Amino acid sequence: MTLEQQQILIEVSEKLGVTDYELFYIGTMIAVDFIVAIVLYVTIMKIWQGYRLKQRSTLEH
């Protein structure tokens, strides 16, 4: 992380009242990673469902 990014992180954590900006960063990154994982899972499941429906309809005809 660059010094500018660290300064922004410290400023944001101070505005939110968080005293430990490193823990704030870790918690934020865990939350972001979790949200991305959920979005990817849902997307993959929709693609898989579409594939299975397409495969099933071609087998029936």
Foldseek 3Di string as FASTA:
>chain_A
DDPVVVVVLVVVCVVVVHDDSVVVVVVVVVVVVVVVVVVVVVVVVVVVVVVVVVVVVVVVD
